[in-house]
Amino acid sequence: MDKLGTYSSRYCYSVWLRHIVTAHKNGLPTKPRTIAELGPGNSLEIGLAGLISGAQTYYAFDIAKFATNDRNLKVFDEIVTLFRNRADIPGEDEFARVKPYLDSYRFPKNIYDDNYLEKMLREDRLERIRNSLLNMNDDDSCITYEVPWDSESIIKKESVDMIYSQAVLEHIDNLSDAYKAMCLWLKPEGFISHQIDFKCHGTAQKWNGHWSYSDSEWNDRRSRETFLLNREPHSHHLKYLEQTGFKIICDDIIKYEQGILRNQLAGKFKNISDEDFFTGNAFIQASRNCCGILS
């Protein structure tokens, strides 16, 4: 799916649960109270799935306003039904390109048991979320929608339990500052959860062909198109995480073949590692281990 996407309730339900199930597998918290999403595009429903399943506050950050209330309210009710039915997580047969992949797509009753869900699905609680959708950014709303987000000061320091994104970080130009902001926002026990797509997003015939463009050629494309890639390879994300002070909990990569040849790489990419050259996707979860590193 592209940046703006064509989302469905089942897609958003699946993405949220994939992040949570993987967090459980990695020993991370599975019931975050305050969540923040980078780049929701035209859909806030992944965050709504988080609210429905127990979060109390949801921050949505984007570069422009795409989401609409009519759509969000409709999908909200559909996601509520999925949780009420303890629906299995839509898997690879339905969303073949959605990552991360899971060992099992059964509904995670070990995380959300019946007693817990009965409390989370109370009608008064769901009505508060609906009202928050209609009155985003009000003082008593549990939803804050910030457009554009361009400053680390938009969230109080050490106030967020989980920050996540789905195929978004490949579009953010200043990744170093983005990771610093995330570290500042997170509580000491908080974590980040990001699915990153390093492929060309239709800008070339081969999946890694975007690395064959010179800077001047790429900048020319950027002047004519929106939401182009930052072209940062996998190792750069790891570098920024290390520099910021995050502790990487998991780094699950998917490698692709049948791309361009090494001699077709543009000058700035000539010396990338073999791992970067073949890595098309990565799912990264990391805990906040940056106390004292950032001020």
C-alpha atoms as a PDB file:
ATOM      1  CA  MET A   1       0.000   0.000   0.000  1.00  0.00           C
ATOM      2  CA  ASP A   2       1.217   3.477  -0.788  1.00  0.00           C
ATOM      3  CA  LYS A   3       1.572   6.432   1.524  1.00  0.00           C
ATOM      4  CA  LEU A   4      -2.087   7.432   1.391  1.00  0.00           C
ATOM      5  CA  GLY A   5      -3.252   3.858   1.037  1.00  0.00           C
ATOM      6  CA  THR A   6      -6.645   2.260   0.597  1.00  0.00           C
ATOM      7  CA  TYR A   7      -7.286   0.998   4.077  1.00  0.00           C
ATOM      8  CA  SER A   8      -9.969  -1.293   5.443  1.00  0.00           C
ATOM      9  CA  SER A   9     -11.033  -2.213   8.947  1.00  0.00           C
ATOM     10  CA  ARG A  10      -9.467  -5.646   8.517  1.00  0.00           C
ATOM     11  CA  TYR A  11      -6.194  -4.150   7.320  1.00  0.00           C
ATOM     12  CA  CYS A  12      -5.956  -1.766  10.294  1.00  0.00           C
ATOM     13  CA  TYR A  13      -6.993  -4.467  12.767  1.00  0.00           C
ATOM     14  CA  SER A  14      -4.348  -6.761  11.269  1.00  0.00           C
ATOM     15  CA  VAL A  15      -1.555  -4.176  11.391  1.00  0.00           C
ATOM     16  CA  TRP A  16      -2.226  -3.203  15.009  1.00  0.00           C
ATOM     17  CA  LEU A  17      -2.363  -6.799  16.204  1.00  0.00           C
ATOM     18  CA  ARG A  18       0.784  -7.728  14.271  1.00  0.00           C
ATOM     19  CA  HIS A  19       2.710  -5.002  16.104  1.00  0.00           C
ATOM     20  CA  ILE A  20       1.264  -6.091  19.471  1.00  0.00           C
ATOM     21  CA  VAL A  21       1.716  -9.835  18.958  1.00  0.00           C
ATOM     22  CA  THR A  22       5.331  -9.248  17.927  1.00  0.00           C
ATOM     23  CA  ALA A  23       5.858  -7.006  20.959  1.00  0.00           C
ATOM     24  CA  HIS A  24       4.588  -9.848  23.167  1.00  0.00           C
ATOM     25  CA  LYS A  25       6.973 -12.269  21.468  1.00  0.00           C
ATOM     26  CA  ASN A  26       9.833  -9.862  22.169  1.00  0.00           C
ATOM     27  CA  GLY A  27       8.956  -9.333  25.827  1.00  0.00           C
ATOM     28  CA  LEU A  28       7.687  -5.770  25.315  1.00  0.00           C
ATOM     29  CA  PRO A  29       4.527  -4.238  26.866  1.00  0.00           C
ATOM     30  CA  THR A  30       1.320  -5.210  25.073  1.00  0.00           C
ATOM     31  CA  LYS A  31      -1.149  -2.803  26.667  1.00  0.00           C
ATOM     32  CA  PRO A  32       0.302   0.668  26.047  1.00  0.00           C
ATOM     33  CA  ARG A  33      -1.795   3.469  27.558  1.00  0.00           C
ATOM     34  CA  THR A  34      -0.465   6.265  25.336  1.00  0.00           C
ATOM     35  CA  ILE A  35       0.358   5.559  21.687  1.00  0.00           C
ATOM     36  CA  ALA A  36       1.686   7.712  18.852  1.00  0.00           C
ATOM     37  CA  GLU A  37       1.572   6.970  15.131  1.00  0.00           C
ATOM     38  CA  LEU A  38       3.805   8.514  12.489  1.00  0.00           C
ATOM     39  CA  GLY A  39       2.200   9.055   9.094  1.00  0.00           C
ATOM     40  CA  PRO A  40      -1.310   7.578   9.350  1.00  0.00           C
ATOM     41  CA  GLY A  41      -2.188   8.934   5.896  1.00  0.00           C
ATOM     42  CA  ASN A  42      -5.895   8.897   5.104  1.00  0.00           C
ATOM     43  CA  SER A  43      -6.688   6.539   7.942  1.00  0.00           C
ATOM     44  CA  LEU A  44      -6.499   6.881  11.714  1.00  0.00           C
ATOM     45  CA  GLU A  45      -7.912   3.392  12.183  1.00  0.00           C
ATOM     46  CA  ILE A  46      -4.713   1.631  13.252  1.00  0.00           C
ATOM     47  CA  GLY A  47      -4.669   4.040  16.176  1.00  0.00           C
ATOM     48  CA  LEU A  48      -8.380   3.456  16.714  1.00  0.00           C
ATOM     49  CA  ALA A  49      -7.658  -0.274  16.977  1.00  0.00           C
ATOM     50  CA  GLY A  50      -5.125   0.644  19.640  1.00  0.00           C
ATOM     51  CA  LEU A  51      -7.695   2.735  21.531  1.00  0.00           C
ATOM     52  CA  ILE A  52     -10.375   0.060  21.263  1.00  0.00           C
ATOM     53  CA  SER A  53      -7.970  -2.545  22.655  1.00  0.00           C
ATOM     54  CA  GLY A  54      -7.024  -0.471  25.676  1.00  0.00           C
ATOM     55  CA  ALA A  55      -4.967   2.645  24.938  1.00  0.00           C
ATOM     56  CA  GLN A  56      -6.252   5.813  26.570  1.00  0.00           C
ATOM     57  CA  THR A  57      -4.530   8.431  24.402  1.00  0.00           C
ATOM     58  CA  TYR A  58      -3.645   8.430  20.695  1.00  0.00           C
ATOM     59  CA  TYR A  59      -1.397  10.932  18.909  1.00  0.00           C
ATOM     60  CA  ALA A  60      -1.474  10.932  15.092  1.00  0.00           C
ATOM     61  CA  PHE A  61       1.279  12.880  13.296  1.00  0.00           C
ATOM     62  CA  ASP A  62       1.375  13.599   9.573  1.00  0.00           C
ATOM     63  CA  ILE A  63       2.742  16.138   7.091  1.00  0.00           C
ATOM     64  CA  ALA A  64      -0.719  17.081   5.764  1.00  0.00           C
ATOM     65  CA  LYS A  65      -4.323  16.362   6.676  1.00  0.00           C
ATOM     66  CA  PHE A  66      -5.694  13.330   4.869  1.00  0.00           C
ATOM     67  CA  ALA A  67      -8.012  11.560   7.333  1.00  0.00           C
ATOM     68  CA  THR A  68     -11.773  12.225   7.311  1.00  0.00           C
ATOM     69  CA  ASN A  69     -14.275  11.661  10.112  1.00  0.00           C
ATOM     70  CA  ASP A  70     -16.950   9.950   8.004  1.00  0.00           C
ATOM     71  CA  ARG A  71     -14.527   7.240   6.979  1.00  0.00           C
ATOM     72  CA  ASN A  72     -12.959   6.875  10.418  1.00  0.00           C
ATOM     73  CA  LEU A  73     -16.325   6.486  12.186  1.00  0.00           C
ATOM     74  CA  LYS A  74     -17.448   3.773   9.777  1.00  0.00           C
ATOM     75  CA  VAL A  75     -14.254   1.766  10.097  1.00  0.00           C
ATOM     76  CA  PHE A  76     -14.215   2.329  13.874  1.00  0.00           C
ATOM     77  CA  ASP A  77     -17.489   0.413  14.268  1.00  0.00           C
ATOM     78  CA  GLU A  78     -16.193  -2.380  12.034  1.00  0.00           C
ATOM     79  CA  ILE A  79     -13.042  -2.750  14.142  1.00  0.00           C
ATOM     80  CA  VAL A  80     -15.152  -2.887  17.312  1.00  0.00           C
ATOM     81  CA  THR A  81     -17.052  -5.802  15.758  1.00  0.00           C
ATOM     82  CA  LEU A  82     -13.797  -7.592  14.938  1.00  0.00           C
ATOM     83  CA  PHE A  83     -12.679  -7.325  18.568  1.00  0.00           C
ATOM     84  CA  ARG A  84     -16.092  -8.381  19.872  1.00  0.00           C
ATOM     85  CA  ASN A  85     -15.958 -11.460  17.647  1.00  0.00           C
ATOM     86  CA  ARG A  86     -12.330 -12.195  18.652  1.00  0.00           C
ATOM     87  CA  ALA A  87     -11.669 -12.406  14.909  1.00  0.00           C
ATOM     88  CA  ASP A  88      -8.443 -14.025  13.836  1.00  0.00           C
ATOM     89  CA  ILE A  89      -5.779 -11.685  12.491  1.00  0.00           C
ATOM     90  CA  PRO A  90      -6.083 -11.305   8.712  1.00  0.00           C
ATOM     91  CA  GLY A  91      -2.963 -13.003   7.429  1.00  0.00           C
ATOM     92  CA  GLU A  92      -0.848 -13.498   4.350  1.00  0.00           C
ATOM     93  CA  ASP A  93      -3.676 -15.002   2.315  1.00  0.00           C
ATOM     94  CA  GLU A  94      -5.587 -11.701   2.592  1.00  0.00           C
ATOM     95  CA  PHE A  95      -2.748  -9.176   2.892  1.00  0.00           C
ATOM     96  CA  ALA A  96       0.237 -10.834   1.272  1.00  0.00           C
ATOM     97  CA  ARG A  97       2.407  -7.697   1.305  1.00  0.00           C
ATOM     98  CA  VAL A  98       1.685  -6.599   4.872  1.00  0.00           C
ATOM     99  CA  LYS A  99       4.454  -7.128   7.412  1.00  0.00           C
ATOM    100  CA  PRO A 100       5.483  -8.250   9.909  1.00  0.00           C
ATOM    101  CA  TYR A 101       4.573 -11.869   9.295  1.00  0.00           C
ATOM    102  CA  LEU A 102       3.428 -13.869  12.320  1.00  0.00           C
ATOM    103  CA  ASP A 103       3.904 -17.471  13.405  1.00  0.00           C
ATOM    104  CA  SER A 104       0.158 -17.686  14.119  1.00  0.00           C
ATOM    105  CA  TYR A 105      -2.749 -15.470  13.064  1.00  0.00           C
ATOM    106  CA  ARG A 106      -5.174 -16.720  15.706  1.00  0.00           C
ATOM    107  CA  PHE A 107      -6.739 -14.039  17.880  1.00  0.00           C
ATOM    108  CA  PRO A 108      -4.263 -13.426  20.750  1.00  0.00           C
ATOM    109  CA  LYS A 109      -6.392 -14.473  23.720  1.00  0.00           C
ATOM    110  CA  ASN A 110      -3.202 -14.742  25.776  1.00  0.00           C
ATOM    111  CA  ILE A 111      -2.940 -10.943  25.469  1.00  0.00           C
ATOM    112  CA  TYR A 112      -6.598  -9.900  25.360  1.00  0.00           C
ATOM    113  CA  ASP A 113      -8.629 -12.330  27.461  1.00  0.00           C
ATOM    114  CA  ASP A 114     -12.419 -12.172  27.788  1.00  0.00           C
ATOM    115  CA  ASN A 115     -12.428 -10.277  31.090  1.00  0.00           C
ATOM    116  CA  TYR A 116     -10.075  -7.639  29.747  1.00  0.00           C
ATOM    117  CA  LEU A 117     -12.010  -7.181  26.498  1.00  0.00           C
ATOM    118  CA  GLU A 118     -15.312  -6.941  28.336  1.00  0.00           C
ATOM    119  CA  LYS A 119     -13.946  -3.883  30.123  1.00  0.00           C
ATOM    120  CA  MET A 120     -12.382  -2.345  27.024  1.00  0.00           C
ATOM    121  CA  LEU A 121     -15.533  -2.805  24.925  1.00  0.00           C
ATOM    122  CA  ARG A 122     -17.919  -1.129  27.348  1.00  0.00           C
ATOM    123  CA  GLU A 123     -20.268   1.135  25.424  1.00  0.00           C
ATOM    124  CA  ASP A 124     -19.449   4.213  27.511  1.00  0.00           C
ATOM    125  CA  ARG A 125     -15.759   3.760  26.755  1.00  0.00           C
ATOM    126  CA  LEU A 126     -16.402   3.273  23.024  1.00  0.00           C
ATOM    127  CA  GLU A 127     -18.674   6.325  22.965  1.00  0.00           C
ATOM    128  CA  ARG A 128     -15.851   8.445  24.375  1.00  0.00           C
ATOM    129  CA  ILE A 129     -13.620   7.339  21.503  1.00  0.00           C
ATOM    130  CA  ARG A 130     -16.361   8.159  18.971  1.00  0.00           C
ATOM    131  CA  ASN A 131     -16.806  11.599  20.501  1.00  0.00           C
ATOM    132  CA  SER A 132     -13.055  12.107  20.423  1.00  0.00           C
ATOM    133  CA  LEU A 133     -13.055  11.403  16.697  1.00  0.00           C
ATOM    134  CA  LEU A 134     -15.635  14.133  16.203  1.00  0.00           C
ATOM    135  CA  ASN A 135     -13.744  16.556  18.452  1.00  0.00           C
ATOM    136  CA  MET A 136     -10.092  15.779  17.868  1.00  0.00           C
ATOM    137  CA  ASN A 137      -7.598  18.004  19.694  1.00  0.00           C
ATOM    138  CA  ASP A 138     -10.197  19.193  22.242  1.00  0.00           C
ATOM    139  CA  ASP A 139      -8.966  19.224  25.822  1.00  0.00           C
ATOM    140  CA  ASP A 140     -11.090  16.209  26.757  1.00  0.00           C
ATOM    141  CA  SER A 141     -10.452  14.264  23.537  1.00  0.00           C
ATOM    142  CA  CYS A 142      -8.317  11.137  23.659  1.00  0.00           C
ATOM    143  CA  ILE A 143      -7.169  11.805  20.069  1.00  0.00           C
ATOM    144  CA  THR A 144      -4.659  14.456  19.016  1.00  0.00           C
ATOM    145  CA  TYR A 145      -4.116  14.899  15.272  1.00  0.00           C
ATOM    146  CA  GLU A 146      -1.082  17.087  14.551  1.00  0.00           C
ATOM    147  CA  VAL A 147      -0.536  18.357  10.999  1.00  0.00           C
ATOM    148  CA  PRO A 148       2.198  19.066  10.214  1.00  0.00           C
ATOM    149  CA  TRP A 149       4.422  17.545  12.862  1.00  0.00           C
ATOM    150  CA  ASP A 150       7.816  19.146  12.622  1.00  0.00           C
ATOM    151  CA  SER A 151       8.964  19.567  16.193  1.00  0.00           C
ATOM    152  CA  GLU A 152       9.900  17.259  19.032  1.00  0.00           C
ATOM    153  CA  SER A 153       8.063  19.651  21.393  1.00  0.00           C
ATOM    154  CA  ILE A 154       4.574  18.657  20.205  1.00  0.00           C
ATOM    155  CA  ILE A 155       4.466  15.906  22.855  1.00  0.00           C
ATOM    156  CA  LYS A 156       5.505  16.237  26.460  1.00  0.00           C
ATOM    157  CA  LYS A 157       8.804  14.481  27.128  1.00  0.00           C
ATOM    158  CA  GLU A 158       8.612  10.923  28.493  1.00  0.00           C
ATOM    159  CA  SER A 159       4.847  10.676  28.042  1.00  0.00           C
ATOM    160  CA  VAL A 160       4.327   7.971  25.391  1.00  0.00           C
ATOM    161  CA  ASP A 161       4.369   4.197  25.839  1.00  0.00           C
ATOM    162  CA  MET A 162       4.554   3.114  22.194  1.00  0.00           C
ATOM    163  CA  ILE A 163       5.414   4.840  18.908  1.00  0.00           C
ATOM    164  CA  TYR A 164       4.737   2.937  15.711  1.00  0.00           C
ATOM    165  CA  SER A 165       4.539   3.330  11.954  1.00  0.00           C
ATOM    166  CA  GLN A 166       3.697   1.186   8.963  1.00  0.00           C
ATOM    167  CA  ALA A 167       5.757   1.840   5.809  1.00  0.00           C
ATOM    168  CA  VAL A 168       6.368   5.491   6.742  1.00  0.00           C
ATOM    169  CA  LEU A 169       9.965   5.986   7.916  1.00  0.00           C
ATOM    170  CA  GLU A 170      11.239   5.518   4.369  1.00  0.00           C
ATOM    171  CA  HIS A 171       9.495   8.808   3.521  1.00  0.00           C
ATOM    172  CA  ILE A 172      10.895  10.961   6.357  1.00  0.00           C
ATOM    173  CA  ASP A 173      13.844  13.070   5.214  1.00  0.00           C
ATOM    174  CA  ASN A 174      15.548  13.890   8.506  1.00  0.00           C
ATOM    175  CA  LEU A 175      15.606  10.460  10.095  1.00  0.00           C
ATOM    176  CA  SER A 176      18.178  11.361  12.713  1.00  0.00           C
ATOM    177  CA  ASP A 177      15.951  14.094  14.158  1.00  0.00           C
ATOM    178  CA  ALA A 178      12.908  11.819  13.952  1.00  0.00           C
ATOM    179  CA  TYR A 179      14.587   9.131  16.050  1.00  0.00           C
ATOM    180  CA  LYS A 180      15.786  11.748  18.560  1.00  0.00           C
ATOM    181  CA  ALA A 181      12.229  13.052  18.901  1.00  0.00           C
ATOM    182  CA  MET A 182      10.899   9.536  19.461  1.00  0.00           C
ATOM    183  CA  CYS A 183      13.438   8.918  22.191  1.00  0.00           C
ATOM    184  CA  LEU A 184      12.449  12.142  23.925  1.00  0.00           C
ATOM    185  CA  TRP A 185       8.723  11.336  23.719  1.00  0.00           C
ATOM    186  CA  LEU A 186       9.001   7.813  25.117  1.00  0.00           C
ATOM    187  CA  LYS A 187       8.629   6.914  28.750  1.00  0.00           C
ATOM    188  CA  PRO A 188      11.675   5.097  30.180  1.00  0.00           C
ATOM    189  CA  GLU A 189       9.895   1.751  29.677  1.00  0.00           C
ATOM    190  CA  GLY A 190       8.468   2.716  26.276  1.00  0.00           C
ATOM    191  CA  PHE A 191       9.273   1.234  22.881  1.00  0.00           C
ATOM    192  CA  ILE A 192       9.064   1.893  19.148  1.00  0.00           C
ATOM    193  CA  SER A 193       7.684  -0.487  16.544  1.00  0.00           C
ATOM    194  CA  HIS A 194       8.289   0.285  12.863  1.00  0.00           C
ATOM    195  CA  GLN A 195       7.724  -1.574   9.622  1.00  0.00           C
ATOM    196  CA  ILE A 196      10.032  -0.022   7.001  1.00  0.00           C
ATOM    197  CA  ASP A 197       9.824  -0.626   3.249  1.00  0.00           C
ATOM    198  CA  PHE A 198      13.099  -0.012   1.421  1.00  0.00           C
ATOM    199  CA  LYS A 199      11.786  -0.860  -2.050  1.00  0.00           C
ATOM    200  CA  CYS A 200      11.437   1.669  -4.867  1.00  0.00           C
ATOM    201  CA  HIS A 201       7.669   2.304  -4.468  1.00  0.00           C
ATOM    202  CA  GLY A 202       7.121   2.332  -8.219  1.00  0.00           C
ATOM    203  CA  THR A 203       9.933   4.765  -9.035  1.00  0.00           C
ATOM    204  CA  ALA A 204      11.913   2.171 -11.011  1.00  0.00           C
ATOM    205  CA  GLN A 205      11.444  -1.126 -12.839  1.00  0.00           C
ATOM    206  CA  LYS A 206      13.534  -3.093 -10.340  1.00  0.00           C
ATOM    207  CA  TRP A 207      12.670  -3.138  -6.634  1.00  0.00           C
ATOM    208  CA  ASN A 208      15.944  -1.386  -5.674  1.00  0.00           C
ATOM    209  CA  GLY A 209      16.236   0.750  -8.813  1.00  0.00           C
ATOM    210  CA  HIS A 210      15.763   3.985  -6.873  1.00  0.00           C
ATOM    211  CA  TRP A 211      19.395   3.619  -5.797  1.00  0.00           C
ATOM    212  CA  SER A 212      20.484   3.945  -9.439  1.00  0.00           C
ATOM    213  CA  TYR A 213      19.456   7.616  -9.658  1.00  0.00           C
ATOM    214  CA  SER A 214      22.052  10.324  -9.095  1.00  0.00           C
ATOM    215  CA  ASP A 215      21.206  13.003  -6.535  1.00  0.00           C
ATOM    216  CA  SER A 216      20.388  15.500  -9.283  1.00  0.00           C
ATOM    217  CA  GLU A 217      18.082  13.017 -11.046  1.00  0.00           C
ATOM    218  CA  TRP A 218      16.364  12.161  -7.778  1.00  0.00           C
ATOM    219  CA  ASN A 219      15.953  15.806  -6.792  1.00  0.00           C
ATOM    220  CA  ASP A 220      14.343  16.454 -10.157  1.00  0.00           C
ATOM    221  CA  ARG A 221      11.825  13.722  -9.446  1.00  0.00           C
ATOM    222  CA  ARG A 222      11.176  15.141  -5.996  1.00  0.00           C
ATOM    223  CA  SER A 223      10.359  18.525  -7.517  1.00  0.00           C
ATOM    224  CA  ARG A 224       7.581  16.909  -9.564  1.00  0.00           C
ATOM    225  CA  GLU A 225       6.224  14.283  -7.161  1.00  0.00           C
ATOM    226  CA  THR A 226       5.200  14.073  -3.511  1.00  0.00           C
ATOM    227  CA  PHE A 227       5.994  11.482  -0.843  1.00  0.00           C
ATOM    228  CA  LEU A 228       9.140  10.258  -2.535  1.00  0.00           C
ATOM    229  CA  LEU A 229      11.580   8.143  -0.580  1.00  0.00           C
ATOM    230  CA  ASN A 230      14.531   9.290   1.473  1.00  0.00           C
ATOM    231  CA  ARG A 231      16.487   6.349  -0.040  1.00  0.00           C
ATOM    232  CA  GLU A 232      18.137   5.631   3.322  1.00  0.00           C
ATOM    233  CA  PRO A 233      19.198   1.955   3.474  1.00  0.00           C
ATOM    234  CA  HIS A 234      18.593  -0.365   6.396  1.00  0.00           C
ATOM    235  CA  SER A 235      21.976   0.174   8.077  1.00  0.00           C
ATOM    236  CA  HIS A 236      21.343   3.925   8.373  1.00  0.00           C
ATOM    237  CA  HIS A 237      18.293   3.276  10.553  1.00  0.00           C
ATOM    238  CA  LEU A 238      20.394   1.057  12.795  1.00  0.00           C
ATOM    239  CA  LYS A 239      23.048   3.768  12.966  1.00  0.00           C
ATOM    240  CA  TYR A 240      20.521   6.436  14.001  1.00  0.00           C
ATOM    241  CA  LEU A 241      19.027   4.104  16.604  1.00  0.00           C
ATOM    242  CA  GLU A 242      22.475   3.404  18.053  1.00  0.00           C
ATOM    243  CA  GLN A 243      23.464   7.076  18.048  1.00  0.00           C
ATOM    244  CA  THR A 244      20.212   8.037  19.744  1.00  0.00           C
ATOM    245  CA  GLY A 245      20.639   5.380  22.401  1.00  0.00           C
ATOM    246  CA  PHE A 246      17.864   2.931  21.560  1.00  0.00           C
ATOM    247  CA  LYS A 247      18.290  -0.726  22.421  1.00  0.00           C
ATOM    248  CA  ILE A 248      17.252  -2.799  19.422  1.00  0.00           C
ATOM    249  CA  ILE A 249      15.022  -5.677  20.496  1.00  0.00           C
ATOM    250  CA  CYS A 250      14.296  -7.136  17.084  1.00  0.00           C
ATOM    251  CA  ASP A 251      15.406  -6.403  13.543  1.00  0.00           C
ATOM    252  CA  ASP A 252      13.626  -8.782  11.192  1.00  0.00           C
ATOM    253  CA  ILE A 253      14.650  -8.208   7.596  1.00  0.00           C
ATOM    254  CA  ILE A 254      13.331  -9.585   4.331  1.00  0.00           C
ATOM    255  CA  LYS A 255      15.802  -9.866   1.475  1.00  0.00           C
ATOM    256  CA  TYR A 256      14.954  -9.551  -2.203  1.00  0.00           C
ATOM    257  CA  GLU A 257      16.800 -10.738  -5.295  1.00  0.00           C
ATOM    258  CA  GLN A 258      16.283  -9.811  -8.958  1.00  0.00           C
ATOM    259  CA  GLY A 259      17.101  -6.156  -8.454  1.00  0.00           C
ATOM    260  CA  ILE A 260      19.563  -3.941 -10.258  1.00  0.00           C
ATOM    261  CA  LEU A 261      23.214  -4.968 -10.456  1.00  0.00           C
ATOM    262  CA  ARG A 262      25.888  -3.406  -8.259  1.00  0.00           C
ATOM    263  CA  ASN A 263      27.463  -1.637 -11.231  1.00  0.00           C
ATOM    264  CA  GLN A 264      24.161   0.185 -11.758  1.00  0.00           C
ATOM    265  CA  LEU A 265      24.232   1.861  -8.346  1.00  0.00           C
ATOM    266  CA  ALA A 266      24.592   5.637  -8.274  1.00  0.00           C
ATOM    267  CA  GLY A 267      27.838   7.001  -6.850  1.00  0.00           C
ATOM    268  CA  LYS A 268      26.597   7.633  -3.299  1.00  0.00           C
ATOM    269  CA  PHE A 269      25.390   4.030  -3.039  1.00  0.00           C
ATOM    270  CA  LYS A 270      28.364   2.278  -4.648  1.00  0.00           C
ATOM    271  CA  ASN A 271      29.771   1.094  -1.337  1.00  0.00           C
ATOM    272  CA  ILE A 272      26.617  -0.035   0.470  1.00  0.00           C
ATOM    273  CA  SER A 273      26.909  -3.414   2.131  1.00  0.00           C
ATOM    274  CA  ASP A 274      25.503  -6.582   0.625  1.00  0.00           C
ATOM    275  CA  GLU A 275      22.934  -6.652   3.428  1.00  0.00           C
ATOM    276  CA  ASP A 276      21.689  -3.164   2.513  1.00  0.00           C
ATOM    277  CA  PHE A 277      21.774  -4.019  -1.184  1.00  0.00           C
ATOM    278  CA  PHE A 278      19.388  -6.953  -0.716  1.00  0.00           C
ATOM    279  CA  THR A 279      17.210  -5.730   2.198  1.00  0.00           C
ATOM    280  CA  GLY A 280      13.747  -4.743   0.976  1.00  0.00           C
ATOM    281  CA  ASN A 281      11.854  -4.714   4.286  1.00  0.00           C
ATOM    282  CA  ALA A 282      12.662  -4.515   7.965  1.00  0.00           C
ATOM    283  CA  PHE A 283      10.534  -4.712  11.093  1.00  0.00           C
ATOM    284  CA  ILE A 284      12.291  -3.026  13.996  1.00  0.00           C
ATOM    285  CA  GLN A 285      11.277  -2.849  17.638  1.00  0.00           C
ATOM    286  CA  ALA A 286      13.504  -1.023  20.090  1.00  0.00           C
ATOM    287  CA  SER A 287      13.253   0.053  23.701  1.00  0.00           C
ATOM    288  CA  ARG A 288      14.152   3.422  25.127  1.00  0.00           C
ATOM    289  CA  ASN A 289      17.653   3.173  26.482  1.00  0.00           C
ATOM    290  CA  CYS A 290      18.581   6.817  25.989  1.00  0.00           C
ATOM    291  CA  CYS A 291      18.228   8.342  29.447  1.00  0.00           C
ATOM    292  CA  GLY A 292      21.046  10.832  29.835  1.00  0.00           C
ATOM    293  CA  ILE A 293      22.033  10.676  26.150  1.00  0.00           C
ATOM    294  CA  LEU A 294      19.550  13.329  25.041  1.00  0.00           C
ATOM    295  CA  SER A 295      18.649  16.525  26.776  1.00  0.00           C
END
